Amino acid sequence: MGVIFLGGEWIELFNPTNVSIDASHFELKTSKLDVVGISPINSIILPGRTMMINLGKEILYNGGDSITLIRPDGNIIDMTLTL
């Protein structure tokens, strides 16, 4: 079964580890400082799997942007550039 998002933007989070990760309360921040919280609570990403996040609106700059994944304690988990 697929997931369809109508409008807006989305990203995928990939769990490269061999343990499940609870991504609830993580935040995504763009280079323009737009912040998107990840929900619902108990957003579990299984080992080797992905989770799609609907950003709800267009917040990424199509000429290039960065996305930072931040834990609830403020520590940065990952950062990537979009092209």
PDB file of N, CA and C in Angstrom:
ATOM      1  N   MET A   1       0.843  -1.170   0.000  1.00  0.00           N
ATOM      2  CA  MET A   1       0.000   0.000   0.000  1.00  0.00           C
ATOM      3  C   MET A   1       0.889   1.234   0.000  1.00  0.00           C
ATOM      4  N   GLY A   2       0.609   2.164  -0.873  1.00  0.00           N
ATOM      5  CA  GLY A   2       1.398   3.380  -0.972  1.00  0.00           C
ATOM      6  C   GLY A   2       0.753   4.525  -0.224  1.00  0.00           C
ATOM      7  N   VAL A   3       1.520   5.564  -0.017  1.00  0.00           N
ATOM      8  CA  VAL A   3       1.039   6.778   0.625  1.00  0.00           C
ATOM      9  C   VAL A   3       1.062   7.877  -0.416  1.00  0.00           C
ATOM     10  N   ILE A   4      -0.026   8.612  -0.528  1.00  0.00           N
ATOM     11  CA  ILE A   4      -0.119   9.691  -1.507  1.00  0.00           C
ATOM     12  C   ILE A   4      -0.235  11.014  -0.763  1.00  0.00           C
ATOM     13  N   PHE A   5       0.639  11.958  -1.103  1.00  0.00           N
ATOM     14  CA  PHE A   5       0.569  13.294  -0.552  1.00  0.00           C
ATOM     15  C   PHE A   5       0.128  14.230  -1.664  1.00  0.00           C
ATOM     16  N   LEU A   6      -0.949  14.952  -1.436  1.00  0.00           N
ATOM     17  CA  LEU A   6      -1.442  15.896  -2.432  1.00  0.00           C
ATOM     18  C   LEU A   6      -0.926  17.283  -2.089  1.00  0.00           C
ATOM     19  N   GLY A   7      -0.047  17.807  -2.926  1.00  0.00           N
ATOM     20  CA  GLY A   7       0.506  19.131  -2.695  1.00  0.00           C
ATOM     21  C   GLY A   7       1.580  19.105  -1.620  1.00  0.00           C
ATOM     22  N   GLY A   8       2.212  20.232  -1.424  1.00  0.00           N
ATOM     23  CA  GLY A   8       3.249  20.326  -0.412  1.00  0.00           C
ATOM     24  C   GLY A   8       4.490  19.546  -0.788  1.00  0.00           C
ATOM     25  N   GLU A   9       5.356  19.385   0.173  1.00  0.00           N
ATOM     26  CA  GLU A   9       6.611  18.670  -0.036  1.00  0.00           C
ATOM     27  C   GLU A   9       6.722  17.565   1.000  1.00  0.00           C
ATOM     28  N   TRP A  10       7.599  16.613   0.716  1.00  0.00           N
ATOM     29  CA  TRP A  10       7.819  15.510   1.643  1.00  0.00           C
ATOM     30  C   TRP A  10       9.278  15.094   1.585  1.00  0.00           C
ATOM     31  N   ILE A  11       9.717  14.428   2.642  1.00  0.00           N
ATOM     32  CA  ILE A  11      11.057  13.848   2.674  1.00  0.00           C
ATOM     33  C   ILE A  11      10.945  12.446   3.257  1.00  0.00           C
ATOM     34  N   GLU A  12      12.001  11.670   3.082  1.00  0.00           N
ATOM     35  CA  GLU A  12      12.083  10.348   3.688  1.00  0.00           C
ATOM     36  C   GLU A  12      13.222  10.345   4.694  1.00  0.00           C
ATOM     37  N   LEU A  13      12.970   9.742   5.855  1.00  0.00           N
ATOM     38  CA  LEU A  13      14.025   9.504   6.823  1.00  0.00           C
ATOM     39  C   LEU A  13      14.376   8.029   6.756  1.00  0.00           C
ATOM     40  N   PHE A  14      15.665   7.720   6.674  1.00  0.00           N
ATOM     41  CA  PHE A  14      16.129   6.341   6.584  1.00  0.00           C
ATOM     42  C   PHE A  14      16.857   5.966   7.869  1.00  0.00           C
ATOM     43  N   ASN A  15      16.550   4.789   8.408  1.00  0.00           N
ATOM     44  CA  ASN A  15      17.214   4.282   9.598  1.00  0.00           C
ATOM     45  C   ASN A  15      18.268   3.264   9.166  1.00  0.00           C
ATOM     46  N   PRO A  16      19.559   3.655   9.138  1.00  0.00           N
ATOM     47  CA  PRO A  16      20.610   2.743   8.693  1.00  0.00           C
ATOM     48  C   PRO A  16      21.103   1.805   9.795  1.00  0.00           C
ATOM     49  N   THR A  17      20.559   1.931  11.001  1.00  0.00           N
ATOM     50  CA  THR A  17      21.033   1.130  12.124  1.00  0.00           C
ATOM     51  C   THR A  17      20.320  -0.221  12.183  1.00  0.00           C
ATOM     52  N   ASN A  18      20.709  -1.039  13.159  1.00  0.00           N
ATOM     53  CA  ASN A  18      20.043  -2.333  13.339  1.00  0.00           C
ATOM     54  C   ASN A  18      19.093  -2.318  14.533  1.00  0.00           C
ATOM     55  N   VAL A  19      18.701  -1.116  14.990  1.00  0.00           N
ATOM     56  CA  VAL A  19      17.711  -0.962  16.061  1.00  0.00           C
ATOM     57  C   VAL A  19      16.633   0.018  15.607  1.00  0.00           C
ATOM     58  N   SER A  20      15.443  -0.129  16.161  1.00  0.00           N
ATOM     59  CA  SER A  20      14.351   0.796  15.853  1.00  0.00           C
ATOM     60  C   SER A  20      14.634   2.163  16.479  1.00  0.00           C
ATOM     61  N   ILE A  21      14.194   3.219  15.798  1.00  0.00           N
ATOM     62  CA  ILE A  21      14.379   4.584  16.283  1.00  0.00           C
ATOM     63  C   ILE A  21      13.011   5.234  16.426  1.00  0.00           C
ATOM     64  N   ASP A  22      12.757   5.827  17.591  1.00  0.00           N
ATOM     65  CA  ASP A  22      11.523   6.577  17.811  1.00  0.00           C
ATOM     66  C   ASP A  22      11.797   8.025  17.415  1.00  0.00           C
ATOM     67  N   ALA A  23      11.249   8.457  16.292  1.00  0.00           N
ATOM     68  CA  ALA A  23      11.507   9.795  15.764  1.00  0.00           C
ATOM     69  C   ALA A  23      10.492  10.828  16.235  1.00  0.00           C
ATOM     70  N   SER A  24       9.562  10.431  17.107  1.00  0.00           N
ATOM     71  CA  SER A  24       8.600  11.416  17.589  1.00  0.00           C
ATOM     72  C   SER A  24       9.337  12.500  18.375  1.00  0.00           C
ATOM     73  N   HIS A  25       8.891  13.696  18.230  1.00  0.00           N
ATOM     74  CA  HIS A  25       9.457  14.891  18.847  1.00  0.00           C
ATOM     75  C   HIS A  25      10.764  15.344  18.198  1.00  0.00           C
ATOM     76  N   PHE A  26      11.236  14.650  17.158  1.00  0.00           N
ATOM     77  CA  PHE A  26      12.368  15.161  16.400  1.00  0.00           C
ATOM     78  C   PHE A  26      11.867  16.370  15.600  1.00  0.00           C
ATOM     79  N   GLU A  27      12.782  17.235  15.214  1.00  0.00           N
ATOM     80  CA  GLU A  27      12.438  18.383  14.387  1.00  0.00           C
ATOM     81  C   GLU A  27      13.293  18.399  13.134  1.00  0.00           C
ATOM     82  N   LEU A  28      12.715  18.954  12.080  1.00  0.00           N
ATOM     83  CA  LEU A  28      13.443  19.212  10.839  1.00  0.00           C
ATOM     84  C   LEU A  28      13.552  20.720  10.694  1.00  0.00           C
ATOM     85  N   LYS A  29      14.764  21.205  10.418  1.00  0.00           N
ATOM     86  CA  LYS A  29      14.961  22.640  10.257  1.00  0.00           C
ATOM     87  C   LYS A  29      15.612  22.885   8.905  1.00  0.00           C
ATOM     88  N   THR A  30      15.102  23.867   8.155  1.00  0.00           N
ATOM     89  CA  THR A  30      15.684  24.215   6.858  1.00  0.00           C
ATOM     90  C   THR A  30      16.679  25.355   7.044  1.00  0.00           C
ATOM     91  N   SER A  31      17.427  25.656   5.982  1.00  0.00           N
ATOM     92  CA  SER A  31      18.396  26.752   6.065  1.00  0.00           C
ATOM     93  C   SER A  31      17.702  28.095   6.261  1.00  0.00           C
ATOM     94  N   LYS A  32      16.414  28.177   5.908  1.00  0.00           N
ATOM     95  CA  LYS A  32      15.643  29.407   6.140  1.00  0.00           C
ATOM     96  C   LYS A  32      15.057  29.424   7.545  1.00  0.00           C
ATOM     97  N   LEU A  33      15.405  28.407   8.351  1.00  0.00           N
ATOM     98  CA  LEU A  33      14.962  28.254   9.732  1.00  0.00           C
ATOM     99  C   LEU A  33      13.487  27.893   9.865  1.00  0.00           C
ATOM    100  N   ASP A  34      12.866  27.387   8.778  1.00  0.00           N
ATOM    101  CA  ASP A  34      11.534  26.806   8.913  1.00  0.00           C
ATOM    102  C   ASP A  34      11.683  25.528   9.712  1.00  0.00           C
ATOM    103  N   VAL A  35      10.798  25.303  10.669  1.00  0.00           N
ATOM    104  CA  VAL A  35      10.873  24.119  11.520  1.00  0.00           C
ATOM    105  C   VAL A  35       9.602  23.301  11.354  1.00  0.00           C
ATOM    106  N   VAL A  36       9.784  21.986  11.196  1.00  0.00           N
ATOM    107  CA  VAL A  36       8.665  21.060  11.104  1.00  0.00           C
ATOM    108  C   VAL A  36       8.872  20.008  12.172  1.00  0.00           C
ATOM    109  N   GLY A  37       7.880  19.822  13.042  1.00  0.00           N
ATOM    110  CA  GLY A  37       7.948  18.765  14.039  1.00  0.00           C
ATOM    111  C   GLY A  37       7.475  17.456  13.432  1.00  0.00           C
ATOM    112  N   ILE A  38       8.051  16.354  13.885  1.00  0.00           N
ATOM    113  CA  ILE A  38       7.652  15.039  13.395  1.00  0.00           C
ATOM    114  C   ILE A  38       6.623  14.471  14.353  1.00  0.00           C
ATOM    115  N   SER A  39       5.530  14.026  13.810  1.00  0.00           N
ATOM    116  CA  SER A  39       4.481  13.420  14.610  1.00  0.00           C
ATOM    117  C   SER A  39       3.860  12.304  13.782  1.00  0.00           C
ATOM    118  N   PRO A  40       3.088  11.423  14.245  1.00  0.00           N
ATOM    119  CA  PRO A  40       2.553  11.380  15.606  1.00  0.00           C
ATOM    120  C   PRO A  40       3.565  10.814  16.590  1.00  0.00           C
ATOM    121  N   ILE A  41       3.162  10.833  17.851  1.00  0.00           N
ATOM    122  CA  ILE A  41       3.998  10.245  18.899  1.00  0.00           C
ATOM    123  C   ILE A  41       4.196   8.770  18.579  1.00  0.00           C
ATOM    124  N   ASN A  42       5.333   8.243  18.941  1.00  0.00           N
ATOM    125  CA  ASN A  42       5.725   6.863  18.633  1.00  0.00           C
ATOM    126  C   ASN A  42       5.895   6.651  17.137  1.00  0.00           C
ATOM    127  N   SER A  43       6.529   7.593  16.476  1.00  0.00           N
ATOM    128  CA  SER A  43       6.852   7.466  15.058  1.00  0.00           C
ATOM    129  C   SER A  43       8.105   6.604  14.950  1.00  0.00           C
ATOM    130  N   ILE A  44       7.908   5.308  14.933  1.00  0.00           N
ATOM    131  CA  ILE A  44       9.007   4.348  14.952  1.00  0.00           C
ATOM    132  C   ILE A  44       9.501   4.085  13.533  1.00  0.00           C
ATOM    133  N   ILE A  45      10.830   4.174  13.357  1.00  0.00           N
ATOM    134  CA  ILE A  45      11.453   3.800  12.083  1.00  0.00           C
ATOM    135  C   ILE A  45      12.199   2.493  12.347  1.00  0.00           C
ATOM    136  N   LEU A  46      11.762   1.439  11.718  1.00  0.00           N
ATOM    137  CA  LEU A  46      12.376   0.125  11.906  1.00  0.00           C
ATOM    138  C   LEU A  46      13.753   0.073  11.258  1.00  0.00           C
ATOM    139  N   PRO A  47      14.627  -0.837  11.712  1.00  0.00           N
ATOM    140  CA  PRO A  47      15.965  -0.958  11.127  1.00  0.00           C
ATOM    141  C   PRO A  47      15.906  -1.169   9.613  1.00  0.00           C
ATOM    142  N   GLY A  48      16.714  -0.403   8.886  1.00  0.00           N
ATOM    143  CA  GLY A  48      16.785  -0.548   7.436  1.00  0.00           C
ATOM    144  C   GLY A  48      15.566  -0.046   6.691  1.00  0.00           C
ATOM    145  N   ARG A  49      14.670   0.635   7.361  1.00  0.00           N
ATOM    146  CA  ARG A  49      13.431   1.115   6.731  1.00  0.00           C
ATOM    147  C   ARG A  49      13.401   2.636   6.675  1.00  0.00           C
ATOM    148  N   THR A  50      12.422   3.155   5.953  1.00  0.00           N
ATOM    149  CA  THR A  50      12.247   4.593   5.840  1.00  0.00           C
ATOM    150  C   THR A  50      10.893   5.013   6.389  1.00  0.00           C
ATOM    151  N   MET A  51      10.778   6.297   6.707  1.00  0.00           N
ATOM    152  CA  MET A  51       9.511   6.896   7.106  1.00  0.00           C
ATOM    153  C   MET A  51       9.353   8.170   6.298  1.00  0.00           C
ATOM    154  N   MET A  52       8.192   8.342   5.680  1.00  0.00           N
ATOM    155  CA  MET A  52       7.923   9.554   4.909  1.00  0.00           C
ATOM    156  C   MET A  52       7.342  10.622   5.827  1.00  0.00           C
ATOM    157  N   ILE A  53       7.830  11.847   5.665  1.00  0.00           N
ATOM    158  CA  ILE A  53       7.356  12.983   6.441  1.00  0.00           C
ATOM    159  C   ILE A  53       6.755  13.993   5.471  1.00  0.00           C
ATOM    160  N   ASN A  54       5.486  14.278   5.643  1.00  0.00           N
ATOM    161  CA  ASN A  54       4.817  15.301   4.842  1.00  0.00           C
ATOM    162  C   ASN A  54       5.114  16.645   5.491  1.00  0.00           C
ATOM    163  N   LEU A  55       5.773  17.538   4.770  1.00  0.00           N
ATOM    164  CA  LEU A  55       6.115  18.845   5.315  1.00  0.00           C
ATOM    165  C   LEU A  55       4.902  19.760   5.399  1.00  0.00           C
ATOM    166  N   GLY A  56       3.805  19.378   4.762  1.00  0.00           N
ATOM    167  CA  GLY A  56       2.563  20.123   4.872  1.00  0.00           C
ATOM    168  C   GLY A  56       2.471  21.345   3.986  1.00  0.00           C
ATOM    169  N   LYS A  57       3.595  21.884   3.607  1.00  0.00           N
ATOM    170  CA  LYS A  57       3.621  23.055   2.722  1.00  0.00           C
ATOM    171  C   LYS A  57       4.977  23.085   2.049  1.00  0.00           C
ATOM    172  N   GLU A  58       5.122  23.945   1.087  1.00  0.00           N
ATOM    173  CA  GLU A  58       6.398  24.068   0.390  1.00  0.00           C
ATOM    174  C   GLU A  58       7.305  24.987   1.193  1.00  0.00           C
ATOM    175  N   ILE A  59       8.325  24.395   1.818  1.00  0.00           N
ATOM    176  CA  ILE A  59       9.247  25.190   2.630  1.00  0.00           C
ATOM    177  C   ILE A  59      10.682  25.095   2.125  1.00  0.00           C
ATOM    178  N   LEU A  60      10.936  24.219   1.157  1.00  0.00           N
ATOM    179  CA  LEU A  60      12.292  24.053   0.639  1.00  0.00           C
ATOM    180  C   LEU A  60      12.516  24.942  -0.573  1.00  0.00           C
ATOM    181  N   TYR A  61      13.671  25.597  -0.616  1.00  0.00           N
ATOM    182  CA  TYR A  61      14.036  26.435  -1.736  1.00  0.00           C
ATOM    183  C   TYR A  61      14.556  25.539  -2.847  1.00  0.00           C
ATOM    184  N   ASN A  62      13.939  25.596  -4.024  1.00  0.00           N
ATOM    185  CA  ASN A  62      14.279  24.693  -5.116  1.00  0.00           C
ATOM    186  C   ASN A  62      15.654  24.947  -5.724  1.00  0.00           C
ATOM    187  N   GLY A  63      16.266  26.055  -5.416  1.00  0.00           N
ATOM    188  CA  GLY A  63      17.607  26.329  -5.914  1.00  0.00           C
ATOM    189  C   GLY A  63      18.692  25.730  -5.032  1.00  0.00           C
ATOM    190  N   GLY A  64      18.297  25.038  -3.987  1.00  0.00           N
ATOM    191  CA  GLY A  64      19.232  24.432  -3.043  1.00  0.00           C
ATOM    192  C   GLY A  64      18.892  24.856  -1.630  1.00  0.00           C
ATOM    193  N   ASP A  65      18.873  23.940  -0.732  1.00  0.00           N
ATOM    194  CA  ASP A  65      18.494  24.200   0.649  1.00  0.00           C
ATOM    195  C   ASP A  65      19.159  23.140   1.509  1.00  0.00           C
ATOM    196  N   SER A  66      19.105  23.307   2.802  1.00  0.00           N
ATOM    197  CA  SER A  66      19.600  22.267   3.696  1.00  0.00           C
ATOM    198  C   SER A  66      18.481  21.861   4.645  1.00  0.00           C
ATOM    199  N   ILE A  67      18.533  20.608   5.082  1.00  0.00           N
ATOM    200  CA  ILE A  67      17.578  20.097   6.065  1.00  0.00           C
ATOM    201  C   ILE A  67      18.404  19.489   7.194  1.00  0.00           C
ATOM    202  N   THR A  68      18.107  19.891   8.420  1.00  0.00           N
ATOM    203  CA  THR A  68      18.799  19.377   9.586  1.00  0.00           C
ATOM    204  C   THR A  68      17.800  18.614  10.436  1.00  0.00           C
ATOM    205  N   LEU A  69      18.164  17.390  10.849  1.00  0.00           N
ATOM    206  CA  LEU A  69      17.334  16.566  11.717  1.00  0.00           C
ATOM    207  C   LEU A  69      17.860  16.720  13.135  1.00  0.00           C
ATOM    208  N   ILE A  70      16.968  17.154  14.054  1.00  0.00           N
ATOM    209  CA  ILE A  70      17.380  17.503  15.408  1.00  0.00           C
ATOM    210  C   ILE A  70      16.595  16.681  16.427  1.00  0.00           C
ATOM    211  N   ARG A  71      17.305  16.094  17.387  1.00  0.00           N
ATOM    212  CA  ARG A  71      16.666  15.341  18.473  1.00  0.00           C
ATOM    213  C   ARG A  71      16.017  16.305  19.453  1.00  0.00           C
ATOM    214  N   PRO A  72      15.086  15.796  20.293  1.00  0.00           N
ATOM    215  CA  PRO A  72      14.431  16.669  21.275  1.00  0.00           C
ATOM    216  C   PRO A  72      15.404  17.369  22.226  1.00  0.00           C
ATOM    217  N   ASP A  73      16.578  16.786  22.479  1.00  0.00           N
ATOM    218  CA  ASP A  73      17.559  17.415  23.370  1.00  0.00           C
ATOM    219  C   ASP A  73      18.394  18.478  22.660  1.00  0.00           C
ATOM    220  N   GLY A  74      18.108  18.726  21.365  1.00  0.00           N
ATOM    221  CA  GLY A  74      18.799  19.764  20.607  1.00  0.00           C
ATOM    222  C   GLY A  74      19.996  19.275  19.816  1.00  0.00           C
ATOM    223  N   ASN A  75      20.400  18.025  20.008  1.00  0.00           N
ATOM    224  CA  ASN A  75      21.537  17.487  19.266  1.00  0.00           C
ATOM    225  C   ASN A  75      21.162  17.207  17.818  1.00  0.00           C
ATOM    226  N   ILE A  76      22.071  17.555  16.914  1.00  0.00           N
ATOM    227  CA  ILE A  76      21.857  17.311  15.487  1.00  0.00           C
ATOM    228  C   ILE A  76      22.175  15.857  15.183  1.00  0.00           C
ATOM    229  N   ILE A  77      21.246  15.195  14.504  1.00  0.00           N
ATOM    230  CA  ILE A  77      21.440  13.798  14.106  1.00  0.00           C
ATOM    231  C   ILE A  77      22.036  13.726  12.712  1.00  0.00           C
ATOM    232  N   ASP A  78      21.514  14.533  11.792  1.00  0.00           N
ATOM    233  CA  ASP A  78      21.970  14.474  10.403  1.00  0.00           C
ATOM    234  C   ASP A  78      21.622  15.786   9.720  1.00  0.00           C
ATOM    235  N   MET A  79      22.330  16.050   8.620  1.00  0.00           N
ATOM    236  CA  MET A  79      22.056  17.231   7.810  1.00  0.00           C
ATOM    237  C   MET A  79      22.350  16.882   6.371  1.00  0.00           C
ATOM    238  N   THR A  80      21.518  17.395   5.483  1.00  0.00           N
ATOM    239  CA  THR A  80      21.706  17.123   4.063  1.00  0.00           C
ATOM    240  C   THR A  80      21.390  18.364   3.255  1.00  0.00           C
ATOM    241  N   LEU A  81      21.911  18.438   2.058  1.00  0.00           N
ATOM    242  CA  LEU A  81      21.620  19.533   1.131  1.00  0.00           C
ATOM    243  C   LEU A  81      20.687  19.030   0.054  1.00  0.00           C
ATOM    244  N   THR A  82      19.718  19.844  -0.326  1.00  0.00           N
ATOM    245  CA  THR A  82      18.845  19.522  -1.453  1.00  0.00           C
ATOM    246  C   THR A  82      19.338  20.285  -2.659  1.00  0.00           C
ATOM    247  N   LEU A  83      19.125  19.734  -3.821  1.00  0.00           N
ATOM    248  CA  LEU A  83      19.547  20.402  -5.053  1.00  0.00           C
ATOM    249  C   LEU A  83      18.354  20.800  -5.873  1.00  0.00           C
TER     250      LEU A  83
END
